[in-house]
Amino acid sequence: MNFKVEYLLVIALVIFSAVFVYMTLVSDSEFGGADGAAEELIYTLNPDYEPIAEPLWEPPGGETESLLFCLQGAIGALIIGLFFGYYYAMSKCKKQTGKT
């Protein structure tokens, strides 16, 4: 791996960490998503509904939830990309060397 790529990855990680810490500390960040709409609909249909479980940690706002959701998607895409890239490189290497 080239040193430039390593530096870019470290810079990206630092920027993401800074944004995550900032968004976690901001308490008035609100962004309505599908979870909130579903919760409102459930309570509209059944006002006596009680949830089975409570979350261990509640993010301070919707943007933090969106940030975590995007991070989860990015990690999943990275894993899938690495998987396909690895097997593509393996098949290409086998073709070049003539091994089966």
PDB file of N, CA and C in Angstrom:
ATOM      1  N   MET A   1       0.849  -1.176   0.000  1.00  0.00           N
ATOM      2  CA  MET A   1       0.000   0.000   0.000  1.00  0.00           C
ATOM      3  C   MET A   1       0.896   1.242   0.000  1.00  0.00           C
ATOM      4  N   ASN A   2       0.513   2.175  -0.781  1.00  0.00           N
ATOM      5  CA  ASN A   2       1.265   3.410  -0.915  1.00  0.00           C
ATOM      6  C   ASN A   2       1.064   4.285   0.328  1.00  0.00           C
ATOM      7  N   PHE A   3       2.115   5.055   0.694  1.00  0.00           N
ATOM      8  CA  PHE A   3       2.009   5.913   1.881  1.00  0.00           C
ATOM      9  C   PHE A   3       0.935   6.982   1.711  1.00  0.00           C
ATOM     10  N   LYS A   4       0.729   7.473   0.482  1.00  0.00           N
ATOM     11  CA  LYS A   4      -0.310   8.475   0.257  1.00  0.00           C
ATOM     12  C   LYS A   4      -1.680   7.916   0.608  1.00  0.00           C
ATOM     13  N   VAL A   5      -1.926   6.672   0.236  1.00  0.00           N
ATOM     14  CA  VAL A   5      -3.216   6.054   0.534  1.00  0.00           C
ATOM     15  C   VAL A   5      -3.378   5.899   2.038  1.00  0.00           C
ATOM     16  N   GLU A   6      -2.311   5.498   2.728  1.00  0.00           N
ATOM     17  CA  GLU A   6      -2.395   5.369   4.181  1.00  0.00           C
ATOM     18  C   GLU A   6      -2.687   6.707   4.842  1.00  0.00           C
ATOM     19  N   TYR A   7      -2.044   7.764   4.377  1.00  0.00           N
ATOM     20  CA  TYR A   7      -2.307   9.088   4.942  1.00  0.00           C
ATOM     21  C   TYR A   7      -3.753   9.513   4.680  1.00  0.00           C
ATOM     22  N   LEU A   8      -4.254   9.254   3.476  1.00  0.00           N
ATOM     23  CA  LEU A   8      -5.629   9.620   3.167  1.00  0.00           C
ATOM     24  C   LEU A   8      -6.616   8.837   4.042  1.00  0.00           C
ATOM     25  N   LEU A   9      -6.332   7.568   4.278  1.00  0.00           N
ATOM     26  CA  LEU A   9      -7.209   6.779   5.138  1.00  0.00           C
ATOM     27  C   LEU A   9      -7.193   7.290   6.577  1.00  0.00           C
ATOM     28  N   VAL A  10      -6.028   7.659   7.065  1.00  0.00           N
ATOM     29  CA  VAL A  10      -5.929   8.201   8.423  1.00  0.00           C
ATOM     30  C   VAL A  10      -6.663   9.539   8.514  1.00  0.00           C
ATOM     31  N   ILE A  11      -6.506  10.392   7.515  1.00  0.00           N
ATOM     32  CA  ILE A  11      -7.189  11.688   7.503  1.00  0.00           C
ATOM     33  C   ILE A  11      -8.705  11.484   7.467  1.00  0.00           C
ATOM     34  N   ALA A  12      -9.171  10.548   6.630  1.00  0.00           N
ATOM     35  CA  ALA A  12     -10.605  10.270   6.550  1.00  0.00           C
ATOM     36  C   ALA A  12     -11.132   9.752   7.882  1.00  0.00           C
ATOM     37  N   LEU A  13     -10.358   8.895   8.543  1.00  0.00           N
ATOM     38  CA  LEU A  13     -10.773   8.370   9.845  1.00  0.00           C
ATOM     39  C   LEU A  13     -10.837   9.480  10.895  1.00  0.00           C
ATOM     40  N   VAL A  14      -9.869  10.381  10.882  1.00  0.00           N
ATOM     41  CA  VAL A  14      -9.866  11.493  11.838  1.00  0.00           C
ATOM     42  C   VAL A  14     -11.064  12.414  11.592  1.00  0.00           C
ATOM     43  N   ILE A  15     -11.334  12.706  10.325  1.00  0.00           N
ATOM     44  CA  ILE A  15     -12.472  13.570  10.002  1.00  0.00           C
ATOM     45  C   ILE A  15     -13.775  12.915  10.424  1.00  0.00           C
ATOM     46  N   PHE A  16     -13.931  11.624  10.119  1.00  0.00           N
ATOM     47  CA  PHE A  16     -15.149  10.924  10.517  1.00  0.00           C
ATOM     48  C   PHE A  16     -15.300  10.917  12.030  1.00  0.00           C
ATOM     49  N   SER A  17     -14.197  10.664  12.735  1.00  0.00           N
ATOM     50  CA  SER A  17     -14.259  10.634  14.200  1.00  0.00           C
ATOM     51  C   SER A  17     -14.656  11.997  14.754  1.00  0.00           C
ATOM     52  N   ALA A  18     -14.106  13.060  14.185  1.00  0.00           N
ATOM     53  CA  ALA A  18     -14.446  14.401  14.652  1.00  0.00           C
ATOM     54  C   ALA A  18     -15.925  14.707  14.408  1.00  0.00           C
ATOM     55  N   VAL A  19     -16.430  14.343  13.232  1.00  0.00           N
ATOM     56  CA  VAL A  19     -17.843  14.574  12.931  1.00  0.00           C
ATOM     57  C   VAL A  19     -18.719  13.747  13.855  1.00  0.00           C
ATOM     58  N   PHE A  20     -18.326  12.494  14.108  1.00  0.00           N
ATOM     59  CA  PHE A  20     -19.113  11.636  14.994  1.00  0.00           C
ATOM     60  C   PHE A  20     -19.167  12.208  16.404  1.00  0.00           C
ATOM     61  N   VAL A  21     -18.031  12.642  16.933  1.00  0.00           N
ATOM     62  CA  VAL A  21     -18.004  13.211  18.286  1.00  0.00           C
ATOM     63  C   VAL A  21     -18.838  14.485  18.336  1.00  0.00           C
ATOM     64  N   TYR A  22     -18.711  15.334  17.331  1.00  0.00           N
ATOM     65  CA  TYR A  22     -19.483  16.575  17.301  1.00  0.00           C
ATOM     66  C   TYR A  22     -20.979  16.286  17.251  1.00  0.00           C
ATOM     67  N   MET A  23     -21.383  15.363  16.370  1.00  0.00           N
ATOM     68  CA  MET A  23     -22.802  15.058  16.233  1.00  0.00           C
ATOM     69  C   MET A  23     -23.352  14.367  17.480  1.00  0.00           C
ATOM     70  N   THR A  24     -22.513  13.626  18.183  1.00  0.00           N
ATOM     71  CA  THR A  24     -22.949  12.987  19.413  1.00  0.00           C
ATOM     72  C   THR A  24     -23.175  14.015  20.517  1.00  0.00           C
ATOM     73  N   LEU A  25     -22.370  15.061  20.540  1.00  0.00           N
ATOM     74  CA  LEU A  25     -22.479  16.071  21.598  1.00  0.00           C
ATOM     75  C   LEU A  25     -23.586  17.082  21.341  1.00  0.00           C
ATOM     76  N   VAL A  26     -23.991  17.266  20.096  1.00  0.00           N
ATOM     77  CA  VAL A  26     -25.061  18.212  19.779  1.00  0.00           C
ATOM     78  C   VAL A  26     -26.381  17.552  20.145  1.00  0.00           C
ATOM     79  N   SER A  27     -27.108  18.178  21.055  1.00  0.00           N
ATOM     80  CA  SER A  27     -28.319  17.530  21.560  1.00  0.00           C
ATOM     81  C   SER A  27     -29.590  17.961  20.847  1.00  0.00           C
ATOM     82  N   ASP A  28     -29.557  19.031  20.064  1.00  0.00           N
ATOM     83  CA  ASP A  28     -30.787  19.497  19.435  1.00  0.00           C
ATOM     84  C   ASP A  28     -30.859  19.129  17.961  1.00  0.00           C
ATOM     85  N   SER A  29     -30.139  18.113  17.549  1.00  0.00           N
ATOM     86  CA  SER A  29     -30.175  17.698  16.149  1.00  0.00           C
ATOM     87  C   SER A  29     -31.338  16.733  15.959  1.00  0.00           C
ATOM     88  N   GLU A  30     -32.308  17.133  15.170  1.00  0.00           N
ATOM     89  CA  GLU A  30     -33.485  16.301  14.939  1.00  0.00           C
ATOM     90  C   GLU A  30     -33.664  16.066  13.452  1.00  0.00           C
ATOM     91  N   PHE A  31     -33.904  14.839  13.115  1.00  0.00           N
ATOM     92  CA  PHE A  31     -34.164  14.446  11.745  1.00  0.00           C
ATOM     93  C   PHE A  31     -35.126  13.274  11.798  1.00  0.00           C
ATOM     94  N   GLY A  32     -36.325  13.458  11.303  1.00  0.00           N
ATOM     95  CA  GLY A  32     -37.321  12.397  11.371  1.00  0.00           C
ATOM     96  C   GLY A  32     -37.066  11.344  10.313  1.00  0.00           C
ATOM     97  N   GLY A  33     -37.103  10.101  10.721  1.00  0.00           N
ATOM     98  CA  GLY A  33     -36.893   9.003   9.787  1.00  0.00           C
ATOM     99  C   GLY A  33     -38.055   8.037   9.823  1.00  0.00           C
ATOM    100  N   ALA A  34     -37.854   6.891   9.207  1.00  0.00           N
ATOM    101  CA  ALA A  34     -38.904   5.875   9.129  1.00  0.00           C
ATOM    102  C   ALA A  34     -39.219   5.303  10.508  1.00  0.00           C
ATOM    103  N   ASP A  35     -38.217   5.181  11.370  1.00  0.00           N
ATOM    104  CA  ASP A  35     -38.465   4.635  12.704  1.00  0.00           C
ATOM    105  C   ASP A  35     -39.425   5.525  13.493  1.00  0.00           C
ATOM    106  N   GLY A  36     -39.212   6.830  13.425  1.00  0.00           N
ATOM    107  CA  GLY A  36     -40.082   7.752  14.137  1.00  0.00           C
ATOM    108  C   GLY A  36     -41.502   7.741  13.583  1.00  0.00           C
ATOM    109  N   ALA A  37     -41.624   7.652  12.273  1.00  0.00           N
ATOM    110  CA  ALA A  37     -42.954   7.606  11.666  1.00  0.00           C
ATOM    111  C   ALA A  37     -43.677   6.318  12.037  1.00  0.00           C
ATOM    112  N   ALA A  38     -42.948   5.208  12.073  1.00  0.00           N
ATOM    113  CA  ALA A  38     -43.558   3.936  12.456  1.00  0.00           C
ATOM    114  C   ALA A  38     -44.006   3.967  13.916  1.00  0.00           C
ATOM    115  N   GLU A  39     -43.183   4.558  14.763  1.00  0.00           N
ATOM    116  CA  GLU A  39     -43.538   4.652  16.184  1.00  0.00           C
ATOM    117  C   GLU A  39     -44.802   5.483  16.378  1.00  0.00           C
ATOM    118  N   GLU A  40     -44.908   6.606  15.657  1.00  0.00           N
ATOM    119  CA  GLU A  40     -46.114   7.432  15.757  1.00  0.00           C
ATOM    120  C   GLU A  40     -47.341   6.675  15.286  1.00  0.00           C
ATOM    121  N   LEU A  41     -47.208   5.911  14.206  1.00  0.00           N
ATOM    122  CA  LEU A  41     -48.339   5.146  13.688  1.00  0.00           C
ATOM    123  C   LEU A  41     -48.772   4.061  14.677  1.00  0.00           C
ATOM    124  N   ILE A  42     -47.811   3.394  15.293  1.00  0.00           N
ATOM    125  CA  ILE A  42     -48.136   2.354  16.279  1.00  0.00           C
ATOM    126  C   ILE A  42     -48.912   2.961  17.446  1.00  0.00           C
ATOM    127  N   TYR A  43     -48.440   4.090  17.954  1.00  0.00           N
ATOM    128  CA  TYR A  43     -49.134   4.718  19.084  1.00  0.00           C
ATOM    129  C   TYR A  43     -50.483   5.297  18.672  1.00  0.00           C
ATOM    130  N   THR A  44     -50.635   5.650  17.410  1.00  0.00           N
ATOM    131  CA  THR A  44     -51.932   6.120  16.934  1.00  0.00           C
ATOM    132  C   THR A  44     -52.929   4.966  16.888  1.00  0.00           C
ATOM    133  N   LEU A  45     -52.457   3.809  16.412  1.00  0.00           N
ATOM    134  CA  LEU A  45     -53.334   2.643  16.313  1.00  0.00           C
ATOM    135  C   LEU A  45     -53.638   2.024  17.671  1.00  0.00           C
ATOM    136  N   ASN A  46     -52.635   2.022  18.558  1.00  0.00           N
ATOM    137  CA  ASN A  46     -52.812   1.403  19.872  1.00  0.00           C
ATOM    138  C   ASN A  46     -52.128   2.284  20.921  1.00  0.00           C
ATOM    139  N   PRO A  47     -52.875   3.189  21.563  1.00  0.00           N
ATOM    140  CA  PRO A  47     -52.260   4.099  22.542  1.00  0.00           C
ATOM    141  C   PRO A  47     -51.697   3.396  23.773  1.00  0.00           C
ATOM    142  N   ASP A  48     -52.151   2.176  24.058  1.00  0.00           N
ATOM    143  CA  ASP A  48     -51.682   1.444  25.236  1.00  0.00           C
ATOM    144  C   ASP A  48     -50.459   0.573  24.942  1.00  0.00           C
ATOM    145  N   TYR A  49     -49.904   0.681  23.769  1.00  0.00           N
ATOM    146  CA  TYR A  49     -48.771  -0.161  23.388  1.00  0.00           C
ATOM    147  C   TYR A  49     -47.551   0.142  24.264  1.00  0.00           C
ATOM    148  N   GLU A  50     -46.886  -0.905  24.740  1.00  0.00           N
ATOM    149  CA  GLU A  50     -45.648  -0.765  25.505  1.00  0.00           C
ATOM    150  C   GLU A  50     -44.550  -1.560  24.794  1.00  0.00           C
ATOM    151  N   PRO A  51     -43.419  -0.942  24.507  1.00  0.00           N
ATOM    152  CA  PRO A  51     -42.339  -1.656  23.820  1.00  0.00           C
ATOM    153  C   PRO A  51     -41.815  -2.826  24.655  1.00  0.00           C
ATOM    154  N   ILE A  52     -41.368  -3.868  23.996  1.00  0.00           N
ATOM    155  CA  ILE A  52     -40.840  -5.045  24.674  1.00  0.00           C
ATOM    156  C   ILE A  52     -39.472  -4.743  25.284  1.00  0.00           C
ATOM    157  N   ALA A  53     -38.629  -4.010  24.558  1.00  0.00           N
ATOM    158  CA  ALA A  53     -37.270  -3.719  25.028  1.00  0.00           C
ATOM    159  C   ALA A  53     -36.970  -2.238  24.821  1.00  0.00           C
ATOM    160  N   GLU A  54     -36.053  -1.734  25.590  1.00  0.00           N
ATOM    161  CA  GLU A  54     -35.594  -0.353  25.473  1.00  0.00           C
ATOM    162  C   GLU A  54     -34.148  -0.355  24.981  1.00  0.00           C
ATOM    163  N   PRO A  55     -33.754   0.648  24.205  1.00  0.00           N
ATOM    164  CA  PRO A  55     -32.363   0.697  23.726  1.00  0.00           C
ATOM    165  C   PRO A  55     -31.394   0.951  24.891  1.00  0.00           C
ATOM    166  N   LEU A  56     -30.181   0.409  24.751  1.00  0.00           N
ATOM    167  CA  LEU A  56     -29.157   0.627  25.767  1.00  0.00           C
ATOM    168  C   LEU A  56     -28.637   2.055  25.743  1.00  0.00           C
ATOM    169  N   TRP A  57     -28.526   2.627  24.517  1.00  0.00           N
ATOM    170  CA  TRP A  57     -28.025   3.988  24.357  1.00  0.00           C
ATOM    171  C   TRP A  57     -28.892   4.694  23.330  1.00  0.00           C
ATOM    172  N   GLU A  58     -29.375   5.837  23.659  1.00  0.00           N
ATOM    173  CA  GLU A  58     -30.203   6.622  22.752  1.00  0.00           C
ATOM    174  C   GLU A  58     -29.364   7.764  22.186  1.00  0.00           C
ATOM    175  N   PRO A  59     -29.141   7.816  20.856  1.00  0.00           N
ATOM    176  CA  PRO A  59     -28.367   8.915  20.279  1.00  0.00           C
ATOM    177  C   PRO A  59     -29.066  10.249  20.549  1.00  0.00           C
ATOM    178  N   PRO A  60     -28.296  11.333  20.660  1.00  0.00           N
ATOM    179  CA  PRO A  60     -28.894  12.623  21.010  1.00  0.00           C
ATOM    180  C   PRO A  60     -29.771  13.208  19.913  1.00  0.00           C
ATOM    181  N   GLY A  61     -29.628  12.771  18.677  1.00  0.00           N
ATOM    182  CA  GLY A  61     -30.450  13.336  17.617  1.00  0.00           C
ATOM    183  C   GLY A  61     -30.496  12.430  16.407  1.00  0.00           C
ATOM    184  N   GLY A  62     -31.344  12.815  15.475  1.00  0.00           N
ATOM    185  CA  GLY A  62     -31.526  12.018  14.275  1.00  0.00           C
ATOM    186  C   GLY A  62     -30.317  12.000  13.358  1.00  0.00           C
ATOM    187  N   GLU A  63     -29.558  13.095  13.329  1.00  0.00           N
ATOM    188  CA  GLU A  63     -28.376  13.123  12.479  1.00  0.00           C
ATOM    189  C   GLU A  63     -27.351  12.098  12.937  1.00  0.00           C
ATOM    190  N   THR A  64     -27.260  11.894  14.232  1.00  0.00           N
ATOM    191  CA  THR A  64     -26.330  10.888  14.751  1.00  0.00           C
ATOM    192  C   THR A  64     -26.783   9.502  14.316  1.00  0.00           C
ATOM    193  N   GLU A  65     -28.085   9.249  14.361  1.00  0.00           N
ATOM    194  CA  GLU A  65     -28.601   7.971  13.889  1.00  0.00           C
ATOM    195  C   GLU A  65     -28.304   7.789  12.406  1.00  0.00           C
ATOM    196  N   SER A  66     -28.486   8.859  11.620  1.00  0.00           N
ATOM    197  CA  SER A  66     -28.196   8.788  10.195  1.00  0.00           C
ATOM    198  C   SER A  66     -26.715   8.535   9.950  1.00  0.00           C
ATOM    199  N   LEU A  67     -25.872   9.172  10.744  1.00  0.00           N
ATOM    200  CA  LEU A  67     -24.430   8.975  10.622  1.00  0.00           C
ATOM    201  C   LEU A  67     -24.065   7.523  10.908  1.00  0.00           C
ATOM    202  N   LEU A  68     -24.621   6.953  11.954  1.00  0.00           N
ATOM    203  CA  LEU A  68     -24.339   5.561  12.283  1.00  0.00           C
ATOM    204  C   LEU A  68     -24.885   4.621  11.211  1.00  0.00           C
ATOM    205  N   PHE A  69     -26.056   4.930  10.665  1.00  0.00           N
ATOM    206  CA  PHE A  69     -26.630   4.111   9.610  1.00  0.00           C
ATOM    207  C   PHE A  69     -25.755   4.146   8.359  1.00  0.00           C
ATOM    208  N   CYS A  70     -25.266   5.334   8.010  1.00  0.00           N
ATOM    209  CA  CYS A  70     -24.381   5.452   6.846  1.00  0.00           C
ATOM    210  C   CYS A  70     -23.064   4.730   7.087  1.00  0.00           C
ATOM    211  N   LEU A  71     -22.548   4.811   8.288  1.00  0.00           N
ATOM    212  CA  LEU A  71     -21.319   4.086   8.614  1.00  0.00           C
ATOM    213  C   LEU A  71     -21.529   2.586   8.475  1.00  0.00           C
ATOM    214  N   GLN A  72     -22.657   2.100   8.955  1.00  0.00           N
ATOM    215  CA  GLN A  72     -22.966   0.681   8.834  1.00  0.00           C
ATOM    216  C   GLN A  72     -23.038   0.280   7.359  1.00  0.00           C
ATOM    217  N   GLY A  73     -23.676   1.086   6.543  1.00  0.00           N
ATOM    218  CA  GLY A  73     -23.756   0.797   5.110  1.00  0.00           C
ATOM    219  C   GLY A  73     -22.393   0.831   4.440  1.00  0.00           C
ATOM    220  N   ALA A  74     -21.559   1.802   4.833  1.00  0.00           N
ATOM    221  CA  ALA A  74     -20.220   1.903   4.243  1.00  0.00           C
ATOM    222  C   ALA A  74     -19.353   0.707   4.618  1.00  0.00           C
ATOM    223  N   ILE A  75     -19.447   0.260   5.863  1.00  0.00           N
ATOM    224  CA  ILE A  75     -18.671  -0.914   6.283  1.00  0.00           C
ATOM    225  C   ILE A  75     -19.149  -2.153   5.528  1.00  0.00           C
ATOM    226  N   GLY A  76     -20.448  -2.300   5.366  1.00  0.00           N
ATOM    227  CA  GLY A  76     -20.982  -3.430   4.600  1.00  0.00           C
ATOM    228  C   GLY A  76     -20.532  -3.391   3.155  1.00  0.00           C
ATOM    229  N   ALA A  77     -20.571  -2.205   2.534  1.00  0.00           N
ATOM    230  CA  ALA A  77     -20.120  -2.076   1.151  1.00  0.00           C
ATOM    231  C   ALA A  77     -18.628  -2.368   1.031  1.00  0.00           C
ATOM    232  N   LEU A  78     -17.847  -1.958   2.017  1.00  0.00           N
ATOM    233  CA  LEU A  78     -16.413  -2.238   2.017  1.00  0.00           C
ATOM    234  C   LEU A  78     -16.158  -3.742   2.088  1.00  0.00           C
ATOM    235  N   ILE A  79     -16.866  -4.428   2.950  1.00  0.00           N
ATOM    236  CA  ILE A  79     -16.692  -5.876   3.077  1.00  0.00           C
ATOM    237  C   ILE A  79     -17.079  -6.575   1.775  1.00  0.00           C
ATOM    238  N   ILE A  80     -18.196  -6.189   1.186  1.00  0.00           N
ATOM    239  CA  ILE A  80     -18.619  -6.798  -0.074  1.00  0.00           C
ATOM    240  C   ILE A  80     -17.615  -6.484  -1.179  1.00  0.00           C
ATOM    241  N   GLY A  81     -17.148  -5.234  -1.234  1.00  0.00           N
ATOM    242  CA  GLY A  81     -16.153  -4.858  -2.241  1.00  0.00           C
ATOM    243  C   GLY A  81     -14.852  -5.621  -2.081  1.00  0.00           C
ATOM    244  N   LEU A  82     -14.408  -5.789  -0.853  1.00  0.00           N
ATOM    245  CA  LEU A  82     -13.187  -6.564  -0.618  1.00  0.00           C
ATOM    246  C   LEU A  82     -13.373  -8.015  -1.030  1.00  0.00           C
ATOM    247  N   PHE A  83     -14.532  -8.580  -0.737  1.00  0.00           N
ATOM    248  CA  PHE A  83     -14.829  -9.964  -1.104  1.00  0.00           C
ATOM    249  C   PHE A  83     -14.768 -10.140  -2.624  1.00  0.00           C
ATOM    250  N   PHE A  84     -15.508  -9.300  -3.367  1.00  0.00           N
ATOM    251  CA  PHE A  84     -15.511  -9.415  -4.816  1.00  0.00           C
ATOM    252  C   PHE A  84     -14.147  -9.078  -5.408  1.00  0.00           C
ATOM    253  N   GLY A  85     -13.469  -8.084  -4.867  1.00  0.00           N
ATOM    254  CA  GLY A  85     -12.137  -7.733  -5.357  1.00  0.00           C
ATOM    255  C   GLY A  85     -11.133  -8.847  -5.155  1.00  0.00           C
ATOM    256  N   TYR A  86     -11.199  -9.499  -4.019  1.00  0.00           N
ATOM    257  CA  TYR A  86     -10.290 -10.601  -3.724  1.00  0.00           C
ATOM    258  C   TYR A  86     -10.489 -11.742  -4.710  1.00  0.00           C
ATOM    259  N   TYR A  87     -11.737 -12.142  -4.908  1.00  0.00           N
ATOM    260  CA  TYR A  87     -11.993 -13.255  -5.817  1.00  0.00           C
ATOM    261  C   TYR A  87     -11.755 -12.877  -7.277  1.00  0.00           C
ATOM    262  N   TYR A  88     -11.965 -11.642  -7.646  1.00  0.00           N
ATOM    263  CA  TYR A  88     -11.630 -11.192  -8.991  1.00  0.00           C
ATOM    264  C   TYR A  88     -10.123 -11.255  -9.208  1.00  0.00           C
ATOM    265  N   ALA A  89      -9.359 -10.789  -8.232  1.00  0.00           N
ATOM    266  CA  ALA A  89      -7.899 -10.822  -8.344  1.00  0.00           C
ATOM    267  C   ALA A  89      -7.385 -12.260  -8.356  1.00  0.00           C
ATOM    268  N   MET A  90      -8.003 -13.124  -7.568  1.00  0.00           N
ATOM    269  CA  MET A  90      -7.595 -14.533  -7.561  1.00  0.00           C
ATOM    270  C   MET A  90      -7.837 -15.176  -8.928  1.00  0.00           C
ATOM    271  N   SER A  91      -8.995 -14.921  -9.526  1.00  0.00           N
ATOM    272  CA  SER A  91      -9.283 -15.513 -10.832  1.00  0.00           C
ATOM    273  C   SER A  91      -8.371 -14.934 -11.908  1.00  0.00           C
ATOM    274  N   LYS A  92      -8.082 -13.658 -11.822  1.00  0.00           N
ATOM    275  CA  LYS A  92      -7.174 -13.033 -12.785  1.00  0.00           C
ATOM    276  C   LYS A  92      -5.766 -13.589 -12.646  1.00  0.00           C
ATOM    277  N   CYS A  93      -5.323 -13.796 -11.410  1.00  0.00           N
ATOM    278  CA  CYS A  93      -4.000 -14.364 -11.167  1.00  0.00           C
ATOM    279  C   CYS A  93      -3.910 -15.805 -11.679  1.00  0.00           C
ATOM    280  N   LYS A  94      -4.981 -16.573 -11.481  1.00  0.00           N
ATOM    281  CA  LYS A  94      -4.987 -17.949 -11.963  1.00  0.00           C
ATOM    282  C   LYS A  94      -4.945 -17.996 -13.496  1.00  0.00           C
ATOM    283  N   LYS A  95      -5.625 -17.075 -14.145  1.00  0.00           N
ATOM    284  CA  LYS A  95      -5.591 -17.019 -15.612  1.00  0.00           C
ATOM    285  C   LYS A  95      -4.205 -16.684 -16.122  1.00  0.00           C
ATOM    286  N   GLN A  96      -3.540 -15.732 -15.427  1.00  0.00           N
ATOM    287  CA  GLN A  96      -2.212 -15.311 -15.868  1.00  0.00           C
ATOM    288  C   GLN A  96      -1.155 -16.391 -15.649  1.00  0.00           C
ATOM    289  N   THR A  97      -1.261 -17.127 -14.556  1.00  0.00           N
ATOM    290  CA  THR A  97      -0.265 -18.144 -14.261  1.00  0.00           C
ATOM    291  C   THR A  97      -0.626 -19.499 -14.869  1.00  0.00           C
ATOM    292  N   GLY A  98      -1.848 -19.655 -15.333  1.00  0.00           N
ATOM    293  CA  GLY A  98      -2.261 -20.914 -15.936  1.00  0.00           C
ATOM    294  C   GLY A  98      -2.617 -21.980 -14.945  1.00  0.00           C
ATOM    295  N   LYS A  99      -2.685 -21.665 -13.681  1.00  0.00           N
ATOM    296  CA  LYS A  99      -3.058 -22.643 -12.661  1.00  0.00           C
ATOM    297  C   LYS A  99      -4.580 -22.718 -12.550  1.00  0.00           C
ATOM    298  N   THR A 100      -5.071 -23.874 -12.152  1.00  0.00           N
ATOM    299  CA  THR A 100      -6.519 -24.029 -12.000  1.00  0.00           C
ATOM    300  C   THR A 100      -6.908 -24.155 -10.558  1.00  0.00           C
TER     301      THR A 100
END
